Amino acid sequence: MADRITANLPSRDFDATAAFYTQLGFAVGFRNAGWMILTRGDLVVEFFPHPDVDPLSSCFSACVRVDDPDTLYRDWSAVGISAERSAIPRLTGLFKLADAPRMFALVDPDGSLLRVLDNKDA
């Protein structure tokens, strides 16, 4: 196995978190009372219980670097997540900032931000 690092994000409720991410193509790889690991191919995100996290003020985030953000965006946008700027959860469209890779962003139900970055622009 190649060296890697995975994101660790809060979850107010493992059942709700798993249900949300399952819609995005993730599967539960491991779960007990204190930890949950979700996988989608080579993408891995891990969750710890944090019942008091406030989705409106959460500062948790992770960068997801992929070779094909267009396909991932199409897959995730098909779920019907709101694009409204204040919605939680929400999914932005693809965009490009100066001196940054092309990307889109997902905010999950617990307020965690996943920036999905294009490896070709990195």
PDB file of N, CA and C in Angstrom:
ATOM      1  N   MET A   1       0.840  -1.175   0.000  1.00  0.00           N
ATOM      2  CA  MET A   1       0.000   0.000   0.000  1.00  0.00           C
ATOM      3  C   MET A   1       0.889   1.243   0.000  1.00  0.00           C
ATOM      4  N   ALA A   2       0.491   2.236  -0.749  1.00  0.00           N
ATOM      5  CA  ALA A   2       1.233   3.496  -0.816  1.00  0.00           C
ATOM      6  C   ALA A   2       1.042   4.281   0.478  1.00  0.00           C
ATOM      7  N   ASP A   3       2.028   5.111   0.804  1.00  0.00           N
ATOM      8  CA  ASP A   3       1.874   6.007   1.953  1.00  0.00           C
ATOM      9  C   ASP A   3       0.700   6.939   1.693  1.00  0.00           C
ATOM     10  N   ARG A   4      -0.018   7.302   2.753  1.00  0.00           N
ATOM     11  CA  ARG A   4      -1.146   8.208   2.585  1.00  0.00           C
ATOM     12  C   ARG A   4      -1.492   8.844   3.913  1.00  0.00           C
ATOM     13  N   ILE A   5      -2.306   9.858   3.841  1.00  0.00           N
ATOM     14  CA  ILE A   5      -2.868  10.504   5.015  1.00  0.00           C
ATOM     15  C   ILE A   5      -4.355  10.678   4.749  1.00  0.00           C
ATOM     16  N   THR A   6      -5.158  10.552   5.787  1.00  0.00           N
ATOM     17  CA  THR A   6      -6.592  10.690   5.590  1.00  0.00           C
ATOM     18  C   THR A   6      -7.153  11.781   6.509  1.00  0.00           C
ATOM     19  N   ALA A   7      -8.237  12.363   6.063  1.00  0.00           N
ATOM     20  CA  ALA A   7      -8.903  13.419   6.826  1.00  0.00           C
ATOM     21  C   ALA A   7      -9.671  12.804   7.991  1.00  0.00           C
ATOM     22  N   ASN A   8      -9.719  13.531   9.096  1.00  0.00           N
ATOM     23  CA  ASN A   8     -10.508  13.144  10.271  1.00  0.00           C
ATOM     24  C   ASN A   8     -11.481  14.273  10.551  1.00  0.00           C
ATOM     25  N   LEU A   9     -12.765  13.986  10.393  1.00  0.00           N
ATOM     26  CA  LEU A   9     -13.795  15.004  10.497  1.00  0.00           C
ATOM     27  C   LEU A   9     -14.812  14.640  11.576  1.00  0.00           C
ATOM     28  N   PRO A  10     -15.500  15.634  12.114  1.00  0.00           N
ATOM     29  CA  PRO A  10     -16.491  15.365  13.158  1.00  0.00           C
ATOM     30  C   PRO A  10     -17.806  14.864  12.579  1.00  0.00           C
ATOM     31  N   SER A  11     -18.503  14.120  13.407  1.00  0.00           N
ATOM     32  CA  SER A  11     -19.848  13.657  13.055  1.00  0.00           C
ATOM     33  C   SER A  11     -20.737  13.778  14.289  1.00  0.00           C
ATOM     34  N   ARG A  12     -21.848  14.458  14.115  1.00  0.00           N
ATOM     35  CA  ARG A  12     -22.812  14.539  15.221  1.00  0.00           C
ATOM     36  C   ARG A  12     -23.529  13.213  15.408  1.00  0.00           C
ATOM     37  N   ASP A  13     -23.672  12.458  14.305  1.00  0.00           N
ATOM     38  CA  ASP A  13     -24.427  11.203  14.335  1.00  0.00           C
ATOM     39  C   ASP A  13     -23.895  10.311  13.221  1.00  0.00           C
ATOM     40  N   PHE A  14     -23.254   9.203  13.587  1.00  0.00           N
ATOM     41  CA  PHE A  14     -22.662   8.325  12.578  1.00  0.00           C
ATOM     42  C   PHE A  14     -23.689   7.814  11.567  1.00  0.00           C
ATOM     43  N   ASP A  15     -24.907   7.506  12.005  1.00  0.00           N
ATOM     44  CA  ASP A  15     -25.926   7.019  11.063  1.00  0.00           C
ATOM     45  C   ASP A  15     -26.232   8.076  10.008  1.00  0.00           C
ATOM     46  N   ALA A  16     -26.418   9.320  10.427  1.00  0.00           N
ATOM     47  CA  ALA A  16     -26.725  10.401   9.488  1.00  0.00           C
ATOM     48  C   ALA A  16     -25.534  10.680   8.571  1.00  0.00           C
ATOM     49  N   THR A  17     -24.334  10.662   9.123  1.00  0.00           N
ATOM     50  CA  THR A  17     -23.132  10.895   8.303  1.00  0.00           C
ATOM     51  C   THR A  17     -22.978   9.800   7.261  1.00  0.00           C
ATOM     52  N   ALA A  18     -23.116   8.554   7.677  1.00  0.00           N
ATOM     53  CA  ALA A  18     -23.006   7.438   6.733  1.00  0.00           C
ATOM     54  C   ALA A  18     -24.071   7.533   5.645  1.00  0.00           C
ATOM     55  N   ALA A  19     -25.292   7.889   6.012  1.00  0.00           N
ATOM     56  CA  ALA A  19     -26.369   8.006   5.018  1.00  0.00           C
ATOM     57  C   ALA A  19     -26.054   9.096   4.000  1.00  0.00           C
ATOM     58  N   PHE A  20     -25.542  10.237   4.448  1.00  0.00           N
ATOM     59  CA  PHE A  20     -25.205  11.323   3.531  1.00  0.00           C
ATOM     60  C   PHE A  20     -24.091  10.902   2.574  1.00  0.00           C
ATOM     61  N   TYR A  21     -23.009  10.384   3.108  1.00  0.00           N
ATOM     62  CA  TYR A  21     -21.864  10.034   2.270  1.00  0.00           C
ATOM     63  C   TYR A  21     -22.125   8.817   1.382  1.00  0.00           C
ATOM     64  N   THR A  22     -23.018   7.928   1.809  1.00  0.00           N
ATOM     65  CA  THR A  22     -23.387   6.790   0.961  1.00  0.00           C
ATOM     66  C   THR A  22     -24.034   7.282  -0.332  1.00  0.00           C
ATOM     67  N   GLN A  23     -24.829   8.352  -0.235  1.00  0.00           N
ATOM     68  CA  GLN A  23     -25.416   8.951  -1.445  1.00  0.00           C
ATOM     69  C   GLN A  23     -24.337   9.416  -2.422  1.00  0.00           C
ATOM     70  N   LEU A  24     -23.163   9.760  -1.889  1.00  0.00           N
ATOM     71  CA  LEU A  24     -22.060  10.263  -2.700  1.00  0.00           C
ATOM     72  C   LEU A  24     -21.151   9.137  -3.194  1.00  0.00           C
ATOM     73  N   GLY A  25     -21.540   7.907  -2.945  1.00  0.00           N
ATOM     74  CA  GLY A  25     -20.776   6.764  -3.450  1.00  0.00           C
ATOM     75  C   GLY A  25     -19.796   6.174  -2.458  1.00  0.00           C
ATOM     76  N   PHE A  26     -19.804   6.637  -1.221  1.00  0.00           N
ATOM     77  CA  PHE A  26     -18.921   6.080  -0.195  1.00  0.00           C
ATOM     78  C   PHE A  26     -19.577   4.851   0.433  1.00  0.00           C
ATOM     79  N   ALA A  27     -18.740   3.984   0.977  1.00  0.00           N
ATOM     80  CA  ALA A  27     -19.209   2.817   1.719  1.00  0.00           C
ATOM     81  C   ALA A  27     -18.526   2.806   3.080  1.00  0.00           C
ATOM     82  N   VAL A  28     -19.203   2.245   4.052  1.00  0.00           N
ATOM     83  CA  VAL A  28     -18.612   2.131   5.383  1.00  0.00           C
ATOM     84  C   VAL A  28     -17.568   1.025   5.352  1.00  0.00           C
ATOM     85  N   GLY A  29     -16.317   1.403   5.620  1.00  0.00           N
ATOM     86  CA  GLY A  29     -15.229   0.427   5.662  1.00  0.00           C
ATOM     87  C   GLY A  29     -14.964  -0.076   7.069  1.00  0.00           C
ATOM     88  N   PHE A  30     -15.254   0.764   8.055  1.00  0.00           N
ATOM     89  CA  PHE A  30     -15.079   0.415   9.467  1.00  0.00           C
ATOM     90  C   PHE A  30     -15.974   1.311  10.295  1.00  0.00           C
ATOM     91  N   ARG A  31     -16.514   0.726  11.360  1.00  0.00           N
ATOM     92  CA  ARG A  31     -17.312   1.545  12.266  1.00  0.00           C
ATOM     93  C   ARG A  31     -17.390   0.870  13.628  1.00  0.00           C
ATOM     94  N   ASN A  32     -17.158   1.660  14.659  1.00  0.00           N
ATOM     95  CA  ASN A  32     -17.471   1.260  16.022  1.00  0.00           C
ATOM     96  C   ASN A  32     -18.011   2.501  16.717  1.00  0.00           C
ATOM     97  N   ALA A  33     -18.154   2.476  18.016  1.00  0.00           N
ATOM     98  CA  ALA A  33     -18.761   3.612  18.718  1.00  0.00           C
ATOM     99  C   ALA A  33     -17.905   4.868  18.668  1.00  0.00           C
ATOM    100  N   GLY A  34     -16.589   4.722  18.456  1.00  0.00           N
ATOM    101  CA  GLY A  34     -15.695   5.870  18.518  1.00  0.00           C
ATOM    102  C   GLY A  34     -15.034   6.260  17.210  1.00  0.00           C
ATOM    103  N   TRP A  35     -15.315   5.547  16.126  1.00  0.00           N
ATOM    104  CA  TRP A  35     -14.632   5.862  14.869  1.00  0.00           C
ATOM    105  C   TRP A  35     -15.409   5.279  13.702  1.00  0.00           C
ATOM    106  N   MET A  36     -15.375   5.982  12.564  1.00  0.00           N
ATOM    107  CA  MET A  36     -15.982   5.465  11.341  1.00  0.00           C
ATOM    108  C   MET A  36     -15.100   5.846  10.160  1.00  0.00           C
ATOM    109  N   ILE A  37     -14.884   4.893   9.263  1.00  0.00           N
ATOM    110  CA  ILE A  37     -14.085   5.118   8.057  1.00  0.00           C
ATOM    111  C   ILE A  37     -14.971   4.853   6.846  1.00  0.00           C
ATOM    112  N   LEU A  38     -15.039   5.834   5.956  1.00  0.00           N
ATOM    113  CA  LEU A  38     -15.807   5.709   4.724  1.00  0.00           C
ATOM    114  C   LEU A  38     -14.854   5.736   3.543  1.00  0.00           C
ATOM    115  N   THR A  39     -15.132   4.922   2.537  1.00  0.00           N
ATOM    116  CA  THR A  39     -14.265   4.855   1.358  1.00  0.00           C
ATOM    117  C   THR A  39     -15.085   4.961   0.083  1.00  0.00           C
ATOM    118  N   ARG A  40     -14.464   5.566  -0.903  1.00  0.00           N
ATOM    119  CA  ARG A  40     -15.014   5.628  -2.269  1.00  0.00           C
ATOM    120  C   ARG A  40     -13.817   5.441  -3.185  1.00  0.00           C
ATOM    121  N   GLY A  41     -13.562   4.204  -3.589  1.00  0.00           N
ATOM    122  CA  GLY A  41     -12.336   3.918  -4.326  1.00  0.00           C
ATOM    123  C   GLY A  41     -11.134   4.245  -3.447  1.00  0.00           C
ATOM    124  N   ASP A  42     -10.238   5.093  -3.959  1.00  0.00           N
ATOM    125  CA  ASP A  42      -9.056   5.493  -3.197  1.00  0.00           C
ATOM    126  C   ASP A  42      -9.323   6.638  -2.225  1.00  0.00           C
ATOM    127  N   LEU A  43     -10.509   7.224  -2.263  1.00  0.00           N
ATOM    128  CA  LEU A  43     -10.837   8.309  -1.336  1.00  0.00           C
ATOM    129  C   LEU A  43     -11.243   7.718   0.014  1.00  0.00           C
ATOM    130  N   VAL A  44     -10.635   8.219   1.070  1.00  0.00           N
ATOM    131  CA  VAL A  44     -10.923   7.747   2.420  1.00  0.00           C
ATOM    132  C   VAL A  44     -11.150   8.963   3.306  1.00  0.00           C
ATOM    133  N   VAL A  45     -12.223   8.939   4.067  1.00  0.00           N
ATOM    134  CA  VAL A  45     -12.473   9.983   5.060  1.00  0.00           C
ATOM    135  C   VAL A  45     -12.889   9.289   6.356  1.00  0.00           C
ATOM    136  N   GLU A  46     -12.329   9.771   7.447  1.00  0.00           N
ATOM    137  CA  GLU A  46     -12.578   9.162   8.747  1.00  0.00           C
ATOM    138  C   GLU A  46     -13.320  10.152   9.632  1.00  0.00           C
ATOM    139  N   PHE A  47     -14.186   9.617  10.486  1.00  0.00           N
ATOM    140  CA  PHE A  47     -15.029  10.455  11.333  1.00  0.00           C
ATOM    141  C   PHE A  47     -14.909  10.046  12.792  1.00  0.00           C
ATOM    142  N   PHE A  48     -14.948  11.042  13.656  1.00  0.00           N
ATOM    143  CA  PHE A  48     -14.979  10.823  15.093  1.00  0.00           C
ATOM    144  C   PHE A  48     -16.257  11.442  15.635  1.00  0.00           C
ATOM    145  N   PRO A  49     -16.793  10.900  16.732  1.00  0.00           N
ATOM    146  CA  PRO A  49     -18.023  11.462  17.280  1.00  0.00           C
ATOM    147  C   PRO A  49     -17.793  12.850  17.877  1.00  0.00           C
ATOM    148  N   HIS A  50     -18.663  13.760  17.508  1.00  0.00           N
ATOM    149  CA  HIS A  50     -18.613  15.121  18.045  1.00  0.00           C
ATOM    150  C   HIS A  50     -20.055  15.638  18.049  1.00  0.00           C
ATOM    151  N   PRO A  51     -20.858  15.152  19.008  1.00  0.00           N
ATOM    152  CA  PRO A  51     -22.283  15.491  18.998  1.00  0.00           C
ATOM    153  C   PRO A  51     -22.581  16.970  19.159  1.00  0.00           C
ATOM    154  N   ASP A  52     -21.616  17.739  19.644  1.00  0.00           N
ATOM    155  CA  ASP A  52     -21.858  19.164  19.891  1.00  0.00           C
ATOM    156  C   ASP A  52     -21.316  20.081  18.796  1.00  0.00           C
ATOM    157  N   VAL A  53     -20.778  19.518  17.706  1.00  0.00           N
ATOM    158  CA  VAL A  53     -20.250  20.390  16.652  1.00  0.00           C
ATOM    159  C   VAL A  53     -21.400  21.214  16.066  1.00  0.00           C
ATOM    160  N   ASP A  54     -21.145  22.491  15.866  1.00  0.00           N
ATOM    161  CA  ASP A  54     -22.138  23.401  15.296  1.00  0.00           C
ATOM    162  C   ASP A  54     -21.860  23.539  13.805  1.00  0.00           C
ATOM    163  N   PRO A  55     -22.736  23.021  12.947  1.00  0.00           N
ATOM    164  CA  PRO A  55     -22.501  23.092  11.503  1.00  0.00           C
ATOM    165  C   PRO A  55     -22.324  24.516  10.978  1.00  0.00           C
ATOM    166  N   LEU A  56     -22.924  25.479  11.644  1.00  0.00           N
ATOM    167  CA  LEU A  56     -22.840  26.864  11.174  1.00  0.00           C
ATOM    168  C   LEU A  56     -21.512  27.532  11.518  1.00  0.00           C
ATOM    169  N   SER A  57     -20.784  27.001  12.485  1.00  0.00           N
ATOM    170  CA  SER A  57     -19.515  27.623  12.864  1.00  0.00           C
ATOM    171  C   SER A  57     -18.334  26.665  12.773  1.00  0.00           C
ATOM    172  N   SER A  58     -18.552  25.468  12.248  1.00  0.00           N
ATOM    173  CA  SER A  58     -17.473  24.483  12.145  1.00  0.00           C
ATOM    174  C   SER A  58     -16.339  25.011  11.271  1.00  0.00           C
ATOM    175  N   CYS A  59     -15.116  24.735  11.689  1.00  0.00           N
ATOM    176  CA  CYS A  59     -13.952  25.122  10.885  1.00  0.00           C
ATOM    177  C   CYS A  59     -13.197  23.888  10.403  1.00  0.00           C
ATOM    178  N   PHE A  60     -13.819  22.709  10.485  1.00  0.00           N
ATOM    179  CA  PHE A  60     -13.188  21.481  10.016  1.00  0.00           C
ATOM    180  C   PHE A  60     -13.212  21.446   8.487  1.00  0.00           C
ATOM    181  N   SER A  61     -12.129  20.943   7.893  1.00  0.00           N
ATOM    182  CA  SER A  61     -12.083  20.858   6.432  1.00  0.00           C
ATOM    183  C   SER A  61     -11.051  19.830   5.995  1.00  0.00           C
ATOM    184  N   ALA A  62     -11.110  19.494   4.722  1.00  0.00           N
ATOM    185  CA  ALA A  62     -10.153  18.578   4.108  1.00  0.00           C
ATOM    186  C   ALA A  62     -10.054  18.911   2.631  1.00  0.00           C
ATOM    187  N   CYS A  63      -8.889  18.648   2.061  1.00  0.00           N
ATOM    188  CA  CYS A  63      -8.705  18.763   0.622  1.00  0.00           C
ATOM    189  C   CYS A  63      -8.763  17.371   0.018  1.00  0.00           C
ATOM    190  N   VAL A  64      -9.519  17.247  -1.060  1.00  0.00           N
ATOM    191  CA  VAL A  64      -9.657  15.996  -1.790  1.00  0.00           C
ATOM    192  C   VAL A  64      -9.053  16.250  -3.166  1.00  0.00           C
ATOM    193  N   ARG A  65      -7.965  15.597  -3.477  1.00  0.00           N
ATOM    194  CA  ARG A  65      -7.278  15.821  -4.751  1.00  0.00           C
ATOM    195  C   ARG A  65      -7.564  14.654  -5.683  1.00  0.00           C
ATOM    196  N   VAL A  66      -8.140  14.986  -6.847  1.00  0.00           N
ATOM    197  CA  VAL A  66      -8.563  13.956  -7.795  1.00  0.00           C
ATOM    198  C   VAL A  66      -8.097  14.303  -9.206  1.00  0.00           C
ATOM    199  N   ASP A  67      -7.975  13.273 -10.042  1.00  0.00           N
ATOM    200  CA  ASP A  67      -7.577  13.469 -11.430  1.00  0.00           C
ATOM    201  C   ASP A  67      -8.739  13.923 -12.305  1.00  0.00           C
ATOM    202  N   ASP A  68      -9.971  13.626 -11.889  1.00  0.00           N
ATOM    203  CA  ASP A  68     -11.137  13.934 -12.715  1.00  0.00           C
ATOM    204  C   ASP A  68     -12.250  14.573 -11.871  1.00  0.00           C
ATOM    205  N   PRO A  69     -12.085  15.842 -11.522  1.00  0.00           N
ATOM    206  CA  PRO A  69     -13.125  16.483 -10.705  1.00  0.00           C
ATOM    207  C   PRO A  69     -14.451  16.627 -11.436  1.00  0.00           C
ATOM    208  N   ASP A  70     -14.421  16.681 -12.763  1.00  0.00           N
ATOM    209  CA  ASP A  70     -15.667  16.831 -13.520  1.00  0.00           C
ATOM    210  C   ASP A  70     -16.602  15.645 -13.294  1.00  0.00           C
ATOM    211  N   THR A  71     -16.058  14.438 -13.357  1.00  0.00           N
ATOM    212  CA  THR A  71     -16.881  13.249 -13.144  1.00  0.00           C
ATOM    213  C   THR A  71     -17.369  13.181 -11.706  1.00  0.00           C
ATOM    214  N   LEU A  72     -16.488  13.460 -10.755  1.00  0.00           N
ATOM    215  CA  LEU A  72     -16.900  13.441  -9.355  1.00  0.00           C
ATOM    216  C   LEU A  72     -17.981  14.497  -9.100  1.00  0.00           C
ATOM    217  N   TYR A  73     -17.818  15.677  -9.691  1.00  0.00           N
ATOM    218  CA  TYR A  73     -18.831  16.721  -9.542  1.00  0.00           C
ATOM    219  C   TYR A  73     -20.170  16.271 -10.138  1.00  0.00           C
ATOM    220  N   ARG A  74     -20.144  15.677 -11.317  1.00  0.00           N
ATOM    221  CA  ARG A  74     -21.384  15.176 -11.935  1.00  0.00           C
ATOM    222  C   ARG A  74     -22.056  14.144 -11.027  1.00  0.00           C
ATOM    223  N   ASP A  75     -21.263  13.211 -10.487  1.00  0.00           N
ATOM    224  CA  ASP A  75     -21.812  12.186  -9.595  1.00  0.00           C
ATOM    225  C   ASP A  75     -22.454  12.818  -8.365  1.00  0.00           C
ATOM    226  N   TRP A  76     -21.740  13.736  -7.735  1.00  0.00           N
ATOM    227  CA  TRP A  76     -22.229  14.320  -6.492  1.00  0.00           C
ATOM    228  C   TRP A  76     -23.373  15.289  -6.734  1.00  0.00           C
ATOM    229  N   SER A  77     -23.357  16.013  -7.840  1.00  0.00           N
ATOM    230  CA  SER A  77     -24.451  16.953  -8.102  1.00  0.00           C
ATOM    231  C   SER A  77     -25.751  16.220  -8.440  1.00  0.00           C
ATOM    232  N   ALA A  78     -25.663  14.992  -8.914  1.00  0.00           N
ATOM    233  CA  ALA A  78     -26.850  14.204  -9.225  1.00  0.00           C
ATOM    234  C   ALA A  78     -27.654  13.863  -7.970  1.00  0.00           C
ATOM    235  N   VAL A  79     -27.033  13.981  -6.804  1.00  0.00           N
ATOM    236  CA  VAL A  79     -27.705  13.693  -5.537  1.00  0.00           C
ATOM    237  C   VAL A  79     -28.736  14.767  -5.206  1.00  0.00           C
ATOM    238  N   GLY A  80     -28.544  15.967  -5.728  1.00  0.00           N
ATOM    239  CA  GLY A  80     -29.500  17.046  -5.494  1.00  0.00           C
ATOM    240  C   GLY A  80     -29.203  17.890  -4.268  1.00  0.00           C
ATOM    241  N   ILE A  81     -27.945  17.998  -3.899  1.00  0.00           N
ATOM    242  CA  ILE A  81     -27.544  18.826  -2.764  1.00  0.00           C
ATOM    243  C   ILE A  81     -27.694  20.293  -3.161  1.00  0.00           C
ATOM    244  N   SER A  82     -28.178  21.081  -2.253  1.00  0.00           N
ATOM    245  CA  SER A  82     -28.401  22.500  -2.519  1.00  0.00           C
ATOM    246  C   SER A  82     -27.100  23.217  -2.887  1.00  0.00           C
ATOM    247  N   ALA A  83     -27.228  24.198  -3.765  1.00  0.00           N
ATOM    248  CA  ALA A  83     -26.092  25.061  -4.102  1.00  0.00           C
ATOM    249  C   ALA A  83     -26.217  26.419  -3.410  1.00  0.00           C
ATOM    250  N   GLU A  84     -27.288  26.606  -2.634  1.00  0.00           N
ATOM    251  CA  GLU A  84     -27.485  27.880  -1.936  1.00  0.00           C
ATOM    252  C   GLU A  84     -26.321  28.164  -1.010  1.00  0.00           C
ATOM    253  N   ARG A  85     -25.821  29.365  -1.061  1.00  0.00           N
ATOM    254  CA  ARG A  85     -24.621  29.767  -0.325  1.00  0.00           C
ATOM    255  C   ARG A  85     -24.704  29.541   1.181  1.00  0.00           C
ATOM    256  N   SER A  86     -25.893  29.614   1.765  1.00  0.00           N
ATOM    257  CA  SER A  86     -26.041  29.447   3.209  1.00  0.00           C
ATOM    258  C   SER A  86     -26.549  28.057   3.598  1.00  0.00           C
ATOM    259  N   ALA A  87     -26.788  27.190   2.628  1.00  0.00           N
ATOM    260  CA  ALA A  87     -27.350  25.868   2.919  1.00  0.00           C
ATOM    261  C   ALA A  87     -26.295  24.938   3.521  1.00  0.00           C
ATOM    262  N   ILE A  88     -26.760  24.088   4.397  1.00  0.00           N
ATOM    263  CA  ILE A  88     -25.926  23.007   4.927  1.00  0.00           C
ATOM    264  C   ILE A  88     -26.790  21.760   4.895  1.00  0.00           C
ATOM    265  N   PRO A  89     -26.434  20.755   4.131  1.00  0.00           N
ATOM    266  CA  PRO A  89     -25.236  20.662   3.291  1.00  0.00           C
ATOM    267  C   PRO A  89     -25.385  21.502   2.022  1.00  0.00           C
ATOM    268  N   ARG A  90     -24.255  21.696   1.337  1.00  0.00           N
ATOM    269  CA  ARG A  90     -24.278  22.401   0.056  1.00  0.00           C
ATOM    270  C   ARG A  90     -23.131  21.923  -0.825  1.00  0.00           C
ATOM    271  N   LEU A  91     -23.315  22.148  -2.129  1.00  0.00           N
ATOM    272  CA  LEU A  91     -22.329  21.771  -3.137  1.00  0.00           C
ATOM    273  C   LEU A  91     -22.187  22.939  -4.094  1.00  0.00           C
ATOM    274  N   THR A  92     -20.960  23.449  -4.239  1.00  0.00           N
ATOM    275  CA  THR A  92     -20.746  24.545  -5.192  1.00  0.00           C
ATOM    276  C   THR A  92     -20.566  23.974  -6.591  1.00  0.00           C
ATOM    277  N   GLY A  93     -20.548  24.845  -7.565  1.00  0.00           N
ATOM    278  CA  GLY A  93     -20.143  24.447  -8.899  1.00  0.00           C
ATOM    279  C   GLY A  93     -18.626  24.452  -8.999  1.00  0.00           C
ATOM    280  N   LEU A  94     -18.117  24.024 -10.139  1.00  0.00           N
ATOM    281  CA  LEU A  94     -16.678  24.081 -10.389  1.00  0.00           C
ATOM    282  C   LEU A  94     -16.254  25.531 -10.557  1.00  0.00           C
ATOM    283  N   PHE A  95     -15.097  25.885 -10.016  1.00  0.00           N
ATOM    284  CA  PHE A  95     -14.579  27.236 -10.154  1.00  0.00           C
ATOM    285  C   PHE A  95     -13.056  27.207 -10.097  1.00  0.00           C
ATOM    286  N   LYS A  96     -12.446  28.326 -10.481  1.00  0.00           N
ATOM    287  CA  LYS A  96     -10.983  28.448 -10.469  1.00  0.00           C
ATOM    288  C   LYS A  96     -10.625  29.795  -9.873  1.00  0.00           C
ATOM    289  N   LEU A  97      -9.842  29.761  -8.811  1.00  0.00           N
ATOM    290  CA  LEU A  97      -9.311  30.975  -8.203  1.00  0.00           C
ATOM    291  C   LEU A  97      -7.909  31.226  -8.749  1.00  0.00           C
ATOM    292  N   ALA A  98      -7.465  32.468  -8.729  1.00  0.00           N
ATOM    293  CA  ALA A  98      -6.114  32.791  -9.181  1.00  0.00           C
ATOM    294  C   ALA A  98      -5.109  31.990  -8.351  1.00  0.00           C
ATOM    295  N   ASP A  99      -4.114  31.444  -9.016  1.00  0.00           N
ATOM    296  CA  ASP A  99      -3.036  30.698  -8.364  1.00  0.00           C
ATOM    297  C   ASP A  99      -3.523  29.494  -7.559  1.00  0.00           C
ATOM    298  N   ALA A 100      -4.639  28.910  -7.949  1.00  0.00           N
ATOM    299  CA  ALA A 100      -5.159  27.718  -7.270  1.00  0.00           C
ATOM    300  C   ALA A 100      -5.675  26.738  -8.316  1.00  0.00           C
ATOM    301  N   PRO A 101      -5.703  25.463  -7.972  1.00  0.00           N
ATOM    302  CA  PRO A 101      -6.266  24.481  -8.911  1.00  0.00           C
ATOM    303  C   PRO A 101      -7.761  24.710  -9.118  1.00  0.00           C
ATOM    304  N   ARG A 102      -8.274  24.221 -10.221  1.00  0.00           N
ATOM    305  CA  ARG A 102      -9.719  24.205 -10.450  1.00  0.00           C
ATOM    306  C   ARG A 102     -10.333  23.311  -9.380  1.00  0.00           C
ATOM    307  N   MET A 103     -11.511  23.689  -8.896  1.00  0.00           N
ATOM    308  CA  MET A 103     -12.081  22.952  -7.767  1.00  0.00           C
ATOM    309  C   MET A 103     -13.582  23.122  -7.679  1.00  0.00           C
ATOM    310  N   PHE A 104     -14.179  22.334  -6.786  1.00  0.00           N
ATOM    311  CA  PHE A 104     -15.526  22.584  -6.288  1.00  0.00           C
ATOM    312  C   PHE A 104     -15.501  22.261  -4.805  1.00  0.00           C
ATOM    313  N   ALA A 105     -16.563  22.620  -4.103  1.00  0.00           N
ATOM    314  CA  ALA A 105     -16.580  22.422  -2.654  1.00  0.00           C
ATOM    315  C   ALA A 105     -17.883  21.770  -2.216  1.00  0.00           C
ATOM    316  N   LEU A 106     -17.753  20.943  -1.188  1.00  0.00           N
ATOM    317  CA  LEU A 106     -18.891  20.294  -0.548  1.00  0.00           C
ATOM    318  C   LEU A 106     -18.838  20.636   0.935  1.00  0.00           C
ATOM    319  N   VAL A 107     -19.960  21.063   1.484  1.00  0.00           N
ATOM    320  CA  VAL A 107     -20.100  21.221   2.930  1.00  0.00           C
ATOM    321  C   VAL A 107     -21.069  20.134   3.370  1.00  0.00           C
ATOM    322  N   ASP A 108     -20.605  19.285   4.290  1.00  0.00           N
ATOM    323  CA  ASP A 108     -21.448  18.164   4.712  1.00  0.00           C
ATOM    324  C   ASP A 108     -22.441  18.605   5.791  1.00  0.00           C
ATOM    325  N   PRO A 109     -23.342  17.731   6.223  1.00  0.00           N
ATOM    326  CA  PRO A 109     -24.366  18.125   7.198  1.00  0.00           C
ATOM    327  C   PRO A 109     -23.815  18.602   8.546  1.00  0.00           C
ATOM    328  N   ASP A 110     -22.567  18.270   8.854  1.00  0.00           N
ATOM    329  CA  ASP A 110     -21.956  18.713  10.102  1.00  0.00           C
ATOM    330  C   ASP A 110     -21.124  19.978   9.924  1.00  0.00           C
ATOM    331  N   GLY A 111     -21.168  20.564   8.725  1.00  0.00           N
ATOM    332  CA  GLY A 111     -20.462  21.809   8.462  1.00  0.00           C
ATOM    333  C   GLY A 111     -19.025  21.647   8.022  1.00  0.00           C
ATOM    334  N   SER A 112     -18.555  20.414   7.831  1.00  0.00           N
ATOM    335  CA  SER A 112     -17.186  20.202   7.356  1.00  0.00           C
ATOM    336  C   SER A 112     -17.087  20.530   5.866  1.00  0.00           C
ATOM    337  N   LEU A 113     -16.024  21.227   5.511  1.00  0.00           N
ATOM    338  CA  LEU A 113     -15.782  21.653   4.132  1.00  0.00           C
ATOM    339  C   LEU A 113     -14.801  20.700   3.461  1.00  0.00           C
ATOM    340  N   LEU A 114     -15.201  20.139   2.320  1.00  0.00           N
ATOM    341  CA  LEU A 114     -14.298  19.343   1.495  1.00  0.00           C
ATOM    342  C   LEU A 114     -14.045  20.129   0.216  1.00  0.00           C
ATOM    343  N   ARG A 115     -12.800  20.528   0.014  1.00  0.00           N
ATOM    344  CA  ARG A 115     -12.402  21.195  -1.227  1.00  0.00           C
ATOM    345  C   ARG A 115     -11.913  20.103  -2.172  1.00  0.00           C
ATOM    346  N   VAL A 116     -12.560  19.972  -3.313  1.00  0.00           N
ATOM    347  CA  VAL A 116     -12.186  18.946  -4.281  1.00  0.00           C
ATOM    348  C   VAL A 116     -11.354  19.626  -5.362  1.00  0.00           C
ATOM    349  N   LEU A 117     -10.053  19.313  -5.389  1.00  0.00           N
ATOM    350  CA  LEU A 117      -9.082  19.987  -6.237  1.00  0.00           C
ATOM    351  C   LEU A 117      -8.641  19.113  -7.395  1.00  0.00           C
ATOM    352  N   ASP A 118      -8.445  19.744  -8.541  1.00  0.00           N
ATOM    353  CA  ASP A 118      -8.000  19.060  -9.756  1.00  0.00           C
ATOM    354  C   ASP A 118      -6.492  18.837  -9.692  1.00  0.00           C
ATOM    355  N   ASN A 119      -6.077  17.575  -9.693  1.00  0.00           N
ATOM    356  CA  ASN A 119      -4.640  17.247  -9.670  1.00  0.00           C
ATOM    357  C   ASN A 119      -3.891  17.816 -10.863  1.00  0.00           C
ATOM    358  N   LYS A 120      -4.557  17.974 -11.989  1.00  0.00           N
ATOM    359  CA  LYS A 120      -3.871  18.456 -13.200  1.00  0.00           C
ATOM    360  C   LYS A 120      -3.457  19.917 -13.064  1.00  0.00           C
ATOM    361  N   ASP A 121      -4.135  20.664 -12.177  1.00  0.00           N
ATOM    362  CA  ASP A 121      -3.823  22.066 -11.986  1.00  0.00           C
ATOM    363  C   ASP A 121      -2.915  22.309 -10.782  1.00  0.00           C
ATOM    364  N   ALA A 122      -2.644  21.245 -10.030  1.00  0.00           N
ATOM    365  CA  ALA A 122      -1.879  21.406  -8.769  1.00  0.00           C
ATOM    366  C   ALA A 122      -0.399  21.614  -9.026  1.00  0.00           C
TER     367      ALA A 122
END
